[in-house]
Each structure stands twice: as structure tokens, then as C-alpha cells.
Amino acid sequence: QVQLVESGGGLVQPGGSLRLSCTASGIIFNLYDMGWYRQAPGKQRELVATISKLESVAYADSVKGRFTISRDNAKNTVSLQMNTLKPEDTAVYYCKANRPPFNTIYWGQGTQVTVSS
């Protein structure tokens, strides 16, 4: 059974930092591209950052320079370090695993991030 379990969300003031983690089980982690997505109320889910199985990274323009994605294949974990948080970063953040070229996709259950004073 495949599971992606996110953690690290919470309430933070503008300008603050949070670190999200996603731990995978039931998959061969180093064969998967991993990503973080987010969905704010009333909006579509959007890509935040991705890291390929070869550790190539990509970011949404809105988070470049503030967020950093990383992975630890030994721990089956992908992390998202979020700095200089803004109220517009408020959303539920989801972890996604995708195995190329088969496009086998799994999602986590999400973790809430709220940026507010």
C-alpha cells in the first residue's frame, strides 16, 4: 500500500519560515519524481516545486528565491523549506509522487499552511 504522509504545516506570521516534509512508503522512492503542490480556498491546485529522481529542481515563479525543495532517498523523504512566507502562501500543501515514464501518480493527504498575523 502506497502512502505519502505530509507534516510540518501550521500557523506562521508573515516573514516567518516553515519546513514541510513528506515521507513515502510502498514505493521505490528513488524511481519517482517528487513535487509539492498547493491549493488555496476557491482556487485550483498549483505546482509549487518539483525535484526529479536525478535531483533536477523547478519552482513556481511565485516562490523562487524563498522556497527550497530537497530529497533524501535514504529516508524516502522530500522536504520543502519555506522562508519569507506571505499571506498569499496560505493553502493546503500536497506532496505528489510521479514515476516517469509510466506516469504512475500518488498524492498525500495534504497539510495546512496558514500565514497570518
Protein backbone atom coordinates (compact mmCIF):
# COMPACT_ATOMS: atom_id res chain seq x y z
CA GLN A 1 0.00 0.00 0.00
CA VAL A 2 1.39 3.35 -1.07
CA GLN A 3 1.33 6.19 1.43
CA LEU A 4 2.62 9.76 1.25
CA VAL A 5 2.42 11.44 4.65
CA GLU A 6 2.99 15.19 4.91
CA SER A 7 3.93 17.00 8.08
CA GLY A 8 5.18 20.38 9.23
CA GLY A 9 2.28 22.64 8.39
CA GLY A 10 0.87 25.20 10.79
CA LEU A 11 0.26 28.85 11.52
CA VAL A 12 3.11 31.30 10.97
CA GLN A 13 3.39 35.08 10.85
CA PRO A 14 4.29 36.87 7.62
CA GLY A 15 8.04 36.77 7.09
CA GLY A 16 8.35 33.53 9.02
CA SER A 17 9.52 30.08 7.97
CA LEU A 18 8.18 26.54 7.90
CA ARG A 19 9.61 23.25 6.75
CA LEU A 20 7.29 20.67 5.24
CA SER A 21 8.21 17.01 4.97
CA CYS A 22 6.67 14.15 3.03
CA THR A 23 7.60 10.58 3.81
CA ALA A 24 6.75 7.88 1.31
CA SER A 25 6.17 4.19 1.84
CA GLY A 26 5.19 1.40 -0.51
CA ILE A 27 7.17 2.77 -3.47
CA ILE A 28 10.75 2.58 -4.69
CA PHE A 29 11.36 6.21 -3.80
CA ASN A 30 14.43 6.84 -5.93
CA LEU A 31 12.48 5.96 -9.10
CA TYR A 32 9.99 8.77 -8.55
CA ASP A 33 9.96 12.44 -9.36
CA MET A 34 8.56 14.29 -6.34
CA GLY A 35 6.70 17.54 -6.06
CA TRP A 36 4.86 19.94 -3.80
CA TYR A 37 1.58 21.47 -4.87
CA ARG A 38 -0.83 23.75 -3.06
CA GLN A 39 -4.48 24.66 -3.18
CA ALA A 40 -5.94 27.78 -1.67
CA PRO A 41 -9.68 28.11 -0.96
CA GLY A 42 -11.60 28.69 -4.17
CA LYS A 43 -8.54 28.16 -6.35
CA GLN A 44 -7.14 25.34 -8.43
CA ARG A 45 -4.29 23.21 -7.22
CA GLU A 46 -0.98 24.64 -8.44
CA LEU A 47 2.58 23.46 -8.69
CA VAL A 48 4.97 24.87 -6.08
CA ALA A 49 8.20 22.94 -6.65
CA THR A 50 9.44 19.69 -8.13
CA ILE A 51 12.56 17.59 -7.79
CA SER A 52 13.28 14.81 -10.24
CA LYS A 53 14.75 11.42 -9.39
CA LEU A 54 18.03 12.89 -10.69
CA GLU A 55 17.54 15.90 -8.33
CA SER A 56 16.79 18.46 -11.01
CA VAL A 57 14.60 21.14 -9.39
CA ALA A 58 12.00 23.58 -10.65
CA TYR A 59 9.93 26.24 -8.88
CA ALA A 60 6.85 28.32 -9.48
CA ASP A 61 7.80 31.95 -10.11
CA SER A 62 5.86 33.00 -7.03
CA VAL A 63 8.16 31.03 -4.69
CA LYS A 64 11.55 31.32 -6.41
CA GLY A 65 14.20 32.55 -4.02
CA ARG A 66 12.03 31.82 -0.97
CA PHE A 67 11.32 28.06 -1.11
CA THR A 68 13.79 25.20 -1.45
CA ILE A 69 12.87 21.62 -2.30
CA SER A 70 15.15 18.72 -1.40
CA ARG A 71 15.01 14.95 -1.12
CA ASP A 72 16.67 12.28 0.99
CA ASN A 73 16.42 8.95 -0.80
CA ALA A 74 17.78 7.08 2.20
CA LYS A 75 14.82 8.30 4.27
CA ASN A 76 12.21 8.24 1.46
CA THR A 77 11.55 11.89 2.23
CA VAL A 78 11.05 15.07 0.25
CA SER A 79 11.13 18.40 2.04
CA LEU A 80 10.10 21.96 1.30
CA GLN A 81 11.84 24.74 3.20
CA MET A 82 9.67 27.83 3.05
CA ASN A 83 11.15 31.18 4.03
CA THR A 84 9.84 34.74 3.96
CA LEU A 85 6.29 33.46 3.96
CA LYS A 86 3.50 35.69 2.72
CA PRO A 87 -0.25 35.61 3.39
CA GLU A 88 -0.75 34.51 -0.22
CA ASP A 89 1.20 31.32 0.56
CA THR A 90 -1.73 30.19 2.70
CA ALA A 91 -3.03 26.92 1.29
CA VAL A 92 -3.19 23.19 1.77
CA TYR A 93 0.13 21.78 0.60
CA TYR A 94 0.20 18.37 -1.08
CA CYS A 95 3.03 16.00 -1.83
CA LYS A 96 2.99 14.20 -5.18
CA ALA A 97 4.98 11.23 -6.43
CA ASN A 98 5.22 10.56 -10.16
CA ARG A 99 7.09 7.71 -11.82
CA PRO A 100 8.25 8.52 -15.30
CA PRO A 101 7.68 7.37 -17.98
CA PHE A 102 4.64 5.47 -16.70
CA ASN A 103 3.01 8.50 -15.05
CA THR A 104 2.08 6.48 -12.04
CA ILE A 105 0.93 9.18 -9.63
CA TYR A 106 0.29 9.24 -5.90
CA TRP A 107 -0.83 12.12 -3.67
CA GLY A 108 -0.57 12.77 0.03
CA GLN A 109 -3.47 13.91 2.14
CA GLY A 110 -2.23 17.49 2.47
CA THR A 111 -1.06 19.73 5.27
CA GLN A 112 -2.44 23.19 6.05
CA VAL A 113 -0.15 26.21 5.95
CA THR A 114 -1.62 29.47 7.22
CA VAL A 115 0.35 32.71 7.05
CA SER A 116 -1.31 35.38 9.14
CA SER A 117 -0.56 37.96 11.79
